[in-house]
Amino acid sequence: MDADRLPGSAAVLVLYTGCVLTVLGFVNLFPLYQHINETLGGTFIALAPFLLPVLLLAVLWRGFSGKMSLAAANWPLLVAGLALCLLALSVPDPNFSVKRIHLFQYLLLSLLIRYTMSRRLRKSALLISSILFGSLLGVHDEFLQGLHPQRTYGLRDMLVNSLSVTGGSLLWHGLGLFTNHRQEVSSAPLSRAAVIFLVLHLVTVIALVIPLVFYRNNVMPLWPFVPVAGIVFFWCCHLSDDTSAWRHGLLVLNLVVAAFLVYPFATNAFEIPFH
């Protein structure tokens, strides 16, 4: 389906649904990697995380060569993006080289996220919102893996996801991809409440994910999710009528943070083990 042929709101909804379904696909790809490893051998799996990102960049360069210019690129962002991608490759356990495939997965996801959010955001609001939204989806990825019978919840993979989506977002922003959509957004600056929300957003998620490592193979507790409910309440009280250029991004971040509240109730109500 071509999202550009749909009405504005419908297209955005379809694209956000695609972002979520992409993460669900990542969670269930492990059997495929096992099959590839058994069929083609471990060498292919070990090299794929290094070769696939290069292939992606080559395809993008060919597809957008008429719209991109290295002379006009933001080189500091490109260098920072590449550095974070290389760092993402160094974080996974070297004994499990398949984990490095997260880099390619989240480079692709960051591209889809940028295309999606560029319909409502621009400039720094687009870059920062894309990074935070993609990083949150990477956290949801690990939560879903904790509920998957063949996967496990892990902070290291979460870090790889975040580094990869941040590196990818910096690359696409530095290359100027998806910046030509017509956006009807306010020019009002980011409010103090919005800054507080973004800071609390980072602190809350970090405070949420770390304690859960100690509850693997146990019942998922409710107490780490209390600050999540608090930040959602903060948004409802102070940002639901925000008029800045960040309005759409703040709404999306609030919704994806609020989605964390589903996990403790679902796992306890249906007695789903958390690995």
Protein backbone atom coordinates (compact mmCIF):
# COMPACT_ATOMS: atom_id res chain seq x y z
CA MET A 1 0.00 0.00 0.00
CA ASP A 2 1.30 3.47 -0.96
CA ALA A 3 0.88 5.67 2.11
CA ASP A 4 1.20 8.82 -0.03
CA ARG A 5 -2.15 8.06 -1.67
CA LEU A 6 -4.03 7.91 1.63
CA PRO A 7 -5.53 10.89 3.46
CA GLY A 8 -3.03 12.51 5.84
CA SER A 9 -4.23 11.05 9.15
CA ALA A 10 -4.90 7.61 7.67
CA ALA A 11 -1.43 7.50 6.11
CA VAL A 12 0.21 8.40 9.42
CA LEU A 13 -1.80 5.73 11.25
CA VAL A 14 -0.82 3.09 8.68
CA LEU A 15 2.84 4.05 8.95
CA TYR A 16 2.87 3.97 12.77
CA THR A 17 1.17 0.58 12.63
CA GLY A 18 3.95 -0.52 10.29
CA CYS A 19 6.58 0.62 12.84
CA VAL A 20 4.93 -1.43 15.59
CA LEU A 21 4.49 -4.50 13.37
CA THR A 22 8.15 -4.25 12.36
CA VAL A 23 9.19 -4.58 16.00
CA LEU A 24 6.84 -7.55 16.44
CA GLY A 25 8.53 -9.09 13.42
CA PHE A 26 11.97 -8.57 14.98
CA VAL A 27 10.87 -10.46 18.09
CA ASN A 28 9.93 -13.51 16.03
CA LEU A 29 12.92 -13.61 13.67
CA PHE A 30 15.18 -15.72 15.91
CA PRO A 31 14.05 -19.07 14.39
CA LEU A 32 14.89 -17.64 10.95
CA TYR A 33 18.39 -16.71 12.11
CA GLN A 34 18.83 -20.20 13.53
CA HIS A 35 17.77 -21.71 10.20
CA ILE A 36 20.16 -19.44 8.27
CA ASN A 37 22.96 -20.30 10.68
CA GLU A 38 22.35 -24.03 10.18
CA THR A 39 22.00 -23.70 6.40
CA LEU A 40 24.71 -21.18 5.49
CA GLY A 41 26.96 -21.55 8.51
CA GLY A 42 28.06 -19.19 11.25
CA THR A 43 30.32 -17.17 8.95
CA PHE A 44 27.37 -15.66 7.12
CA ILE A 45 25.65 -14.66 10.36
CA ALA A 46 28.91 -13.19 11.66
CA LEU A 47 29.47 -11.06 8.54
CA ALA A 48 25.86 -10.05 7.84
CA PRO A 49 25.71 -7.28 10.51
CA PHE A 50 28.70 -5.60 8.83
CA LEU A 51 27.61 -6.09 5.21
CA LEU A 52 23.87 -5.43 5.39
CA PRO A 53 24.15 -1.83 6.69
CA VAL A 54 26.60 -1.04 3.88
CA LEU A 55 24.16 -2.55 1.39
CA LEU A 56 21.33 -0.47 2.87
CA LEU A 57 23.35 2.74 2.52
CA ALA A 58 24.26 1.84 -1.07
CA VAL A 59 20.60 1.22 -1.98
CA LEU A 60 19.55 4.50 -0.37
CA TRP A 61 22.29 6.39 -2.14
CA ARG A 62 21.18 4.98 -5.48
CA GLY A 63 17.49 5.58 -4.77
CA PHE A 64 17.92 9.13 -3.45
CA SER A 65 21.01 10.22 -5.37
CA GLY A 66 19.03 12.98 -7.05
CA LYS A 67 17.90 14.36 -3.69
CA MET A 68 21.08 13.94 -1.65
CA SER A 69 24.40 15.69 -1.93
CA LEU A 70 27.44 14.87 0.18
CA ALA A 71 28.55 18.46 -0.22
CA ALA A 72 25.32 19.62 1.41
CA ALA A 73 25.27 16.88 4.04
CA ASN A 74 25.67 17.61 7.72
CA TRP A 75 29.00 15.91 8.24
CA PRO A 76 29.17 16.16 12.05
CA LEU A 77 25.85 14.28 12.22
CA LEU A 78 27.04 11.70 9.68
CA VAL A 79 30.27 11.08 11.61
CA ALA A 80 28.39 10.85 14.92
CA GLY A 81 25.86 8.46 13.36
CA LEU A 82 28.55 6.18 11.94
CA ALA A 83 30.42 6.21 15.27
CA LEU A 84 27.29 5.13 17.14
CA CYS A 85 26.64 2.37 14.60
CA LEU A 86 30.17 1.04 15.10
CA LEU A 87 29.70 1.27 18.86
CA ALA A 88 26.44 -0.70 18.51
CA LEU A 89 28.40 -3.47 16.75
CA SER A 90 30.88 -3.66 19.65
CA VAL A 91 28.32 -3.94 22.46
CA PRO A 92 26.84 -7.45 21.89
CA ASP A 93 28.49 -10.51 23.41
CA PRO A 94 31.09 -11.66 20.83
CA ASN A 95 30.05 -15.25 21.54
CA PHE A 96 26.61 -14.46 20.08
CA SER A 97 27.40 -12.72 16.81
CA VAL A 98 23.77 -12.96 15.72
CA LYS A 99 23.00 -10.20 18.24
CA ARG A 100 24.83 -7.73 15.99
CA ILE A 101 22.00 -8.08 13.48
CA HIS A 102 20.12 -5.65 15.74
CA LEU A 103 22.12 -2.86 14.09
CA PHE A 104 20.67 -3.57 10.66
CA GLN A 105 17.18 -4.08 12.06
CA TYR A 106 17.14 -0.75 13.85
CA LEU A 107 18.77 1.12 10.98
CA LEU A 108 15.80 0.00 8.90
CA LEU A 109 13.35 0.85 11.66
CA SER A 110 14.88 4.32 12.15
CA LEU A 111 14.40 4.95 8.43
CA LEU A 112 10.73 3.97 8.60
CA ILE A 113 10.25 6.05 11.75
CA ARG A 114 11.80 9.13 10.14
CA TYR A 115 9.57 8.76 7.09
CA THR A 116 6.54 8.39 9.35
CA MET A 117 7.28 11.27 11.72
CA SER A 118 8.40 13.61 8.92
CA ARG A 119 4.73 13.97 8.01
CA ARG A 120 4.10 15.89 11.22
CA LEU A 121 7.52 17.06 12.43
CA ARG A 122 10.57 18.84 11.12
CA LYS A 123 14.10 19.89 12.01
CA SER A 124 15.21 19.16 15.60
CA ALA A 125 11.72 18.01 16.63
CA LEU A 126 11.85 15.35 13.91
CA LEU A 127 15.36 14.19 14.85
CA ILE A 128 14.88 14.01 18.63
CA SER A 129 11.38 12.55 18.45
CA SER A 130 12.57 9.89 15.99
CA ILE A 131 15.44 8.90 18.28
CA LEU A 132 13.27 8.70 21.38
CA PHE A 133 10.41 6.89 19.65
CA GLY A 134 12.77 4.35 18.08
CA SER A 135 14.59 3.81 21.38
CA LEU A 136 11.28 3.21 23.16
CA LEU A 137 10.29 0.66 20.53
CA GLY A 138 13.65 -1.02 21.18
CA VAL A 139 12.72 -1.24 24.87
CA HIS A 140 9.32 -2.70 23.97
CA ASP A 141 11.20 -5.21 21.80
CA GLU A 142 13.00 -6.49 24.89
CA PHE A 143 9.81 -6.57 26.98
CA LEU A 144 8.17 -8.69 24.29
CA GLN A 145 11.22 -10.94 24.18
CA GLY A 146 10.86 -11.40 27.94
CA LEU A 147 7.38 -12.79 27.30
CA HIS A 148 8.47 -14.94 24.35
CA PRO A 149 9.16 -18.58 25.31
CA GLN A 150 12.35 -18.73 23.21
CA ARG A 151 13.75 -15.27 23.99
CA THR A 152 15.02 -13.35 27.02
CA TYR A 153 14.85 -9.78 28.33
CA GLY A 154 18.25 -8.08 28.27
CA LEU A 155 19.69 -4.64 28.93
CA ARG A 156 22.61 -5.12 26.56
CA ASP A 157 20.30 -5.72 23.60
CA MET A 158 18.29 -2.68 24.67
CA LEU A 159 21.47 -0.59 24.50
CA VAL A 160 22.28 -1.95 21.04
CA ASN A 161 18.77 -1.09 19.84
CA SER A 162 19.04 2.46 21.19
CA LEU A 163 22.53 3.06 19.77
CA SER A 164 21.47 1.69 16.39
CA VAL A 165 18.29 3.75 16.11
CA THR A 166 20.14 6.87 17.29
CA GLY A 167 22.97 6.29 14.83
CA GLY A 168 20.51 5.67 12.02
CA SER A 169 18.45 8.75 12.88
CA LEU A 170 21.59 10.92 12.83
CA LEU A 171 22.60 9.47 9.46
CA TRP A 172 19.21 10.07 7.84
CA HIS A 173 19.02 13.58 9.31
CA GLY A 174 22.55 14.35 8.17
CA LEU A 175 21.68 13.20 4.65
CA GLY A 176 18.48 15.23 4.69
CA LEU A 177 16.16 12.30 3.98
CA PHE A 178 12.39 12.87 4.13
CA THR A 179 12.42 16.57 4.82
CA ASN A 180 10.22 17.72 1.93
CA HIS A 181 6.75 16.82 3.19
CA ARG A 182 4.41 19.74 3.68
CA GLN A 183 3.98 20.27 7.40
CA GLU A 184 1.44 22.56 9.00
CA VAL A 185 3.02 22.97 12.41
CA SER A 186 3.24 25.78 14.90
CA SER A 187 6.42 27.77 15.25
CA ALA A 188 5.96 28.08 19.02
CA PRO A 189 9.12 27.07 20.92
CA LEU A 190 9.44 24.03 23.13
CA SER A 191 7.77 24.80 26.45
CA ARG A 192 9.31 24.30 29.89
CA ALA A 193 6.74 21.58 30.59
CA ALA A 194 7.81 19.77 27.41
CA VAL A 195 11.48 19.91 28.46
CA ILE A 196 10.55 18.51 31.87
CA PHE A 197 8.52 15.77 30.17
CA LEU A 198 11.45 14.74 27.96
CA VAL A 199 13.85 14.63 30.92
CA LEU A 200 11.39 12.67 33.05
CA HIS A 201 10.76 10.39 30.09
CA LEU A 202 14.43 9.34 29.99
CA VAL A 203 14.77 8.99 33.77
CA THR A 204 11.53 7.02 34.06
CA VAL A 205 12.40 4.51 31.36
CA ILE A 206 15.87 3.89 32.79
CA ALA A 207 14.38 3.43 36.25
CA LEU A 208 11.87 1.00 34.76
CA VAL A 209 14.12 -1.30 32.75
CA ILE A 210 16.97 -1.88 35.21
CA PRO A 211 15.04 -3.42 38.15
CA LEU A 212 13.22 -5.89 35.90
CA VAL A 213 16.49 -7.73 35.24
CA PHE A 214 16.19 -9.08 38.79
CA TYR A 215 12.64 -10.35 38.22
CA ARG A 216 13.31 -12.70 35.34
CA ASN A 217 11.63 -16.06 35.92
CA ASN A 218 9.44 -14.34 38.52
CA VAL A 219 6.18 -12.44 38.56
CA MET A 220 6.60 -9.02 36.99
CA PRO A 221 6.15 -6.48 39.84
CA LEU A 222 3.96 -3.39 39.65
CA TRP A 223 6.16 -0.89 41.52
CA PRO A 224 8.64 -0.08 38.68
CA PHE A 225 5.69 1.00 36.54
CA VAL A 226 4.38 3.60 39.01
CA PRO A 227 6.64 6.39 37.60
CA VAL A 228 5.39 5.47 34.10
CA ALA A 229 1.83 6.19 35.22
CA GLY A 230 3.12 9.43 36.74
CA ILE A 231 4.70 10.69 33.51
CA VAL A 232 1.53 9.86 31.56
CA PHE A 233 -0.46 11.85 34.12
CA PHE A 234 2.04 14.73 33.78
CA TRP A 235 1.47 14.82 30.02
CA CYS A 236 -2.32 14.83 30.49
CA CYS A 237 -2.10 17.74 32.94
CA HIS A 238 0.49 19.93 31.23
CA LEU A 239 0.96 18.93 27.57
CA SER A 240 -2.34 17.65 26.19
CA ASP A 241 -2.99 21.09 24.67
CA ASP A 242 0.64 21.82 23.68
CA THR A 243 0.86 24.06 20.59
CA SER A 244 4.58 23.86 19.82
CA ALA A 245 6.21 22.30 16.78
CA TRP A 246 6.92 19.28 19.01
CA ARG A 247 3.23 18.58 19.72
CA HIS A 248 2.95 15.47 17.57
CA GLY A 249 6.21 14.02 18.85
CA LEU A 250 5.24 14.56 22.48
CA LEU A 251 1.89 12.84 21.89
CA VAL A 252 3.53 9.82 20.26
CA LEU A 253 6.11 9.52 23.06
CA ASN A 254 3.38 9.69 25.68
CA LEU A 255 1.40 6.93 23.98
CA VAL A 256 4.37 4.61 23.59
CA VAL A 257 5.39 5.17 27.23
CA ALA A 258 1.80 4.55 28.37
CA ALA A 259 1.90 1.21 26.53
CA PHE A 260 4.40 -0.08 29.14
CA LEU A 261 1.54 -0.20 31.63
CA VAL A 262 0.03 -3.12 29.72
CA TYR A 263 2.83 -5.54 30.62
CA PRO A 264 2.46 -5.97 34.40
CA PHE A 265 -1.31 -6.33 34.22
CA ALA A 266 -1.19 -8.74 31.27
CA THR A 267 1.54 -10.92 32.77
CA ASN A 268 -0.17 -11.12 36.16
CA ALA A 269 -3.72 -11.55 34.84
CA PHE A 270 -2.79 -14.29 32.37
CA GLU A 271 0.14 -15.71 34.38
CA ILE A 272 2.60 -15.19 31.51
CA PRO A 273 6.17 -16.01 32.58
CA PHE A 274 8.78 -13.27 32.22
CA HIS A 275 12.17 -14.56 31.07
